[in-house]
Structure formats: C-alpha cells, structure tokens
N, C-alpha and C. Protein backbone atom coordinates (compact mmCIF):
# COMPACT_ATOMS: atom_id res chain seq x y z
N MET A 1 0.85 -1.18 0.00
CA MET A 1 0.00 0.00 0.00
C MET A 1 0.90 1.24 0.00
N SER A 2 0.40 2.31 -0.56
CA SER A 2 1.20 3.53 -0.67
C SER A 2 1.41 4.18 0.69
N ASN A 3 2.33 5.12 0.75
CA ASN A 3 2.59 5.87 1.98
C ASN A 3 1.42 6.78 2.33
N LEU A 4 0.56 7.05 1.38
CA LEU A 4 -0.59 7.92 1.61
C LEU A 4 -1.64 7.24 2.48
N PHE A 5 -1.76 5.92 2.37
CA PHE A 5 -2.77 5.18 3.11
C PHE A 5 -2.11 4.21 4.07
N LYS A 6 -2.71 4.03 5.24
CA LYS A 6 -2.22 3.06 6.22
C LYS A 6 -3.05 1.79 6.20
N ARG A 7 -4.34 1.93 5.87
CA ARG A 7 -5.22 0.77 5.81
C ARG A 7 -6.52 1.17 5.13
N ILE A 8 -7.30 0.16 4.75
CA ILE A 8 -8.64 0.39 4.22
C ILE A 8 -9.59 0.08 5.37
N ASP A 9 -10.47 1.03 5.70
CA ASP A 9 -11.36 0.89 6.85
C ASP A 9 -12.47 -0.12 6.62
N THR A 10 -13.08 -0.10 5.44
CA THR A 10 -14.14 -1.04 5.11
C THR A 10 -14.36 -1.04 3.61
N VAL A 11 -15.07 -2.04 3.14
CA VAL A 11 -15.49 -2.11 1.75
C VAL A 11 -17.01 -2.17 1.77
N PHE A 12 -17.67 -1.25 1.08
CA PHE A 12 -19.13 -1.21 1.04
C PHE A 12 -19.64 -1.98 -0.16
N LEU A 13 -20.67 -2.78 0.06
CA LEU A 13 -21.29 -3.55 -1.01
C LEU A 13 -22.80 -3.34 -0.96
N PRO A 14 -23.39 -2.70 -1.98
CA PRO A 14 -24.84 -2.52 -2.00
C PRO A 14 -25.53 -3.85 -2.32
N VAL A 15 -26.60 -4.15 -1.58
CA VAL A 15 -27.35 -5.40 -1.78
C VAL A 15 -28.84 -5.11 -1.85
N LYS A 16 -29.54 -5.88 -2.70
CA LYS A 16 -31.00 -5.72 -2.84
C LYS A 16 -31.74 -6.38 -1.68
N ASP A 17 -31.37 -7.59 -1.35
CA ASP A 17 -32.04 -8.33 -0.28
C ASP A 17 -31.09 -8.43 0.91
N PHE A 18 -31.25 -7.51 1.82
CA PHE A 18 -30.35 -7.34 2.97
C PHE A 18 -30.24 -8.63 3.79
N ASP A 19 -31.37 -9.20 4.18
CA ASP A 19 -31.35 -10.40 5.02
C ASP A 19 -30.73 -11.60 4.31
N LYS A 20 -31.08 -11.79 3.05
CA LYS A 20 -30.51 -12.91 2.29
C LYS A 20 -29.00 -12.74 2.10
N ALA A 21 -28.57 -11.53 1.87
CA ALA A 21 -27.14 -11.27 1.68
C ALA A 21 -26.37 -11.58 2.96
N ILE A 22 -26.89 -11.14 4.09
CA ILE A 22 -26.24 -11.43 5.37
C ILE A 22 -26.18 -12.94 5.59
N GLU A 23 -27.28 -13.61 5.33
CA GLU A 23 -27.32 -15.06 5.50
C GLU A 23 -26.30 -15.75 4.59
N TRP A 24 -26.25 -15.35 3.32
CA TRP A 24 -25.34 -15.98 2.37
C TRP A 24 -23.88 -15.79 2.78
N TYR A 25 -23.50 -14.55 3.10
CA TYR A 25 -22.11 -14.29 3.46
C TYR A 25 -21.73 -14.97 4.78
N SER A 26 -22.66 -15.10 5.70
CA SER A 26 -22.33 -15.73 6.97
C SER A 26 -22.40 -17.26 6.91
N VAL A 27 -23.42 -17.82 6.23
CA VAL A 27 -23.57 -19.28 6.17
C VAL A 27 -22.65 -19.90 5.12
N VAL A 28 -22.70 -19.39 3.90
CA VAL A 28 -21.94 -19.99 2.81
C VAL A 28 -20.44 -19.69 2.94
N LEU A 29 -20.10 -18.44 3.20
CA LEU A 29 -18.69 -18.07 3.26
C LEU A 29 -18.11 -18.09 4.67
N GLY A 30 -18.97 -18.18 5.67
CA GLY A 30 -18.51 -18.29 7.06
C GLY A 30 -18.05 -17.00 7.69
N PHE A 31 -18.43 -15.84 7.12
CA PHE A 31 -18.07 -14.56 7.72
C PHE A 31 -18.95 -14.33 8.94
N THR A 32 -18.38 -13.81 10.02
CA THR A 32 -19.16 -13.51 11.21
C THR A 32 -19.64 -12.06 11.17
N ILE A 33 -20.76 -11.81 11.81
CA ILE A 33 -21.33 -10.46 11.84
C ILE A 33 -20.65 -9.65 12.93
N ARG A 34 -20.04 -8.56 12.55
CA ARG A 34 -19.40 -7.65 13.50
C ARG A 34 -20.47 -6.78 14.16
N TRP A 35 -21.34 -6.21 13.37
CA TRP A 35 -22.50 -5.45 13.87
C TRP A 35 -23.52 -5.37 12.75
N ARG A 36 -24.76 -5.12 13.17
CA ARG A 36 -25.87 -5.07 12.23
C ARG A 36 -26.88 -4.03 12.69
N ASP A 37 -27.33 -3.19 11.76
CA ASP A 37 -28.34 -2.17 12.05
C ASP A 37 -29.46 -2.33 11.02
N ASP A 38 -30.51 -3.06 11.41
CA ASP A 38 -31.62 -3.32 10.49
C ASP A 38 -32.37 -2.05 10.11
N LEU A 39 -32.48 -1.11 11.03
CA LEU A 39 -33.21 0.13 10.76
C LEU A 39 -32.53 0.94 9.64
N SER A 40 -31.23 1.08 9.74
CA SER A 40 -30.48 1.86 8.74
C SER A 40 -30.09 1.03 7.52
N GLY A 41 -30.08 -0.29 7.66
CA GLY A 41 -29.74 -1.16 6.54
C GLY A 41 -28.25 -1.32 6.32
N TYR A 42 -27.51 -1.45 7.40
CA TYR A 42 -26.06 -1.67 7.33
C TYR A 42 -25.70 -2.88 8.17
N ALA A 43 -24.74 -3.66 7.69
CA ALA A 43 -24.20 -4.78 8.46
C ALA A 43 -22.74 -4.94 8.09
N ALA A 44 -21.88 -5.01 9.10
CA ALA A 44 -20.45 -5.22 8.87
C ALA A 44 -20.11 -6.66 9.19
N LEU A 45 -19.39 -7.30 8.27
CA LEU A 45 -19.00 -8.69 8.44
C LEU A 45 -17.48 -8.79 8.56
N ASN A 46 -17.04 -9.64 9.47
CA ASN A 46 -15.61 -9.88 9.65
C ASN A 46 -15.12 -10.80 8.55
N ILE A 47 -14.20 -10.29 7.73
CA ILE A 47 -13.62 -11.12 6.68
C ILE A 47 -12.10 -11.07 6.72
N GLY A 48 -11.58 -10.56 7.79
CA GLY A 48 -10.14 -10.37 7.93
C GLY A 48 -9.88 -8.99 8.49
N GLU A 49 -8.78 -8.40 8.10
CA GLU A 49 -8.42 -7.09 8.63
C GLU A 49 -9.41 -6.00 8.21
N THR A 50 -9.94 -6.09 6.99
CA THR A 50 -10.88 -5.09 6.48
C THR A 50 -12.28 -5.69 6.42
N PRO A 51 -13.24 -5.12 7.17
CA PRO A 51 -14.60 -5.68 7.15
C PRO A 51 -15.32 -5.39 5.83
N LEU A 52 -16.30 -6.21 5.55
CA LEU A 52 -17.20 -6.01 4.42
C LEU A 52 -18.49 -5.44 4.98
N THR A 53 -18.90 -4.27 4.51
CA THR A 53 -20.13 -3.64 4.99
C THR A 53 -21.20 -3.75 3.92
N LEU A 54 -22.26 -4.49 4.23
CA LEU A 54 -23.40 -4.62 3.33
C LEU A 54 -24.33 -3.45 3.56
N VAL A 55 -24.81 -2.85 2.47
CA VAL A 55 -25.69 -1.69 2.54
C VAL A 55 -26.95 -2.00 1.77
N ARG A 56 -28.10 -1.93 2.44
CA ARG A 56 -29.38 -2.20 1.79
C ARG A 56 -29.70 -1.09 0.79
N LYS A 57 -29.92 -1.49 -0.46
CA LYS A 57 -30.28 -0.56 -1.53
C LYS A 57 -31.39 -1.18 -2.35
N SER A 58 -32.22 -0.34 -2.93
CA SER A 58 -33.25 -0.85 -3.83
C SER A 58 -32.60 -1.20 -5.17
N GLU A 59 -33.27 -2.00 -5.96
CA GLU A 59 -32.75 -2.36 -7.28
C GLU A 59 -32.52 -1.11 -8.12
N GLU A 60 -33.43 -0.16 -8.02
CA GLU A 60 -33.29 1.09 -8.77
C GLU A 60 -32.04 1.85 -8.35
N GLU A 61 -31.78 1.93 -7.04
CA GLU A 61 -30.58 2.62 -6.56
C GLU A 61 -29.30 1.95 -7.06
N ILE A 62 -29.31 0.64 -7.10
CA ILE A 62 -28.12 -0.10 -7.55
C ILE A 62 -27.86 0.16 -9.02
N HIS A 63 -28.89 0.18 -9.86
CA HIS A 63 -28.73 0.34 -11.30
C HIS A 63 -28.51 1.79 -11.72
N ASN A 64 -28.84 2.75 -10.89
CA ASN A 64 -28.68 4.16 -11.23
C ASN A 64 -27.38 4.75 -10.70
N ARG A 65 -26.42 3.94 -10.36
CA ARG A 65 -25.15 4.44 -9.83
C ARG A 65 -24.29 5.00 -10.90
C-alpha cells in the first residue's frame, strides 16, 4: 500500500435483499457479523483485517449508480 494510506477501513457492497445477503455471506462463506443495524440497513461482516459492509439498496438505486 502507498505511503498515503495506512489501511482500508471497510469495503461497502450494495445489496438488494439485505437479510438474504447477510445469511449468504455468513452461512456460505462463514463470515461472522461484527455489527448489524436493520433500521439503517447496514451490516459489517468480519472477513479479515478489512470488514465487508453490506448496505441495503433498492434495485433502482443499484442500477442508477
């Protein structure tokens, strides 16, 4: 990594089906849930040094990026 950065804090991944995505990443890939906020639609999963943060988005929001 460059001298400008020391680490990556998280990686955000927009998902259409929040609950299914959490289930898939935790059951199939074995990632543990670091924290989850159902109201805001965010969940951070432990995947090593840098967590994966799932963000609930509608299909329209995902395609209009």
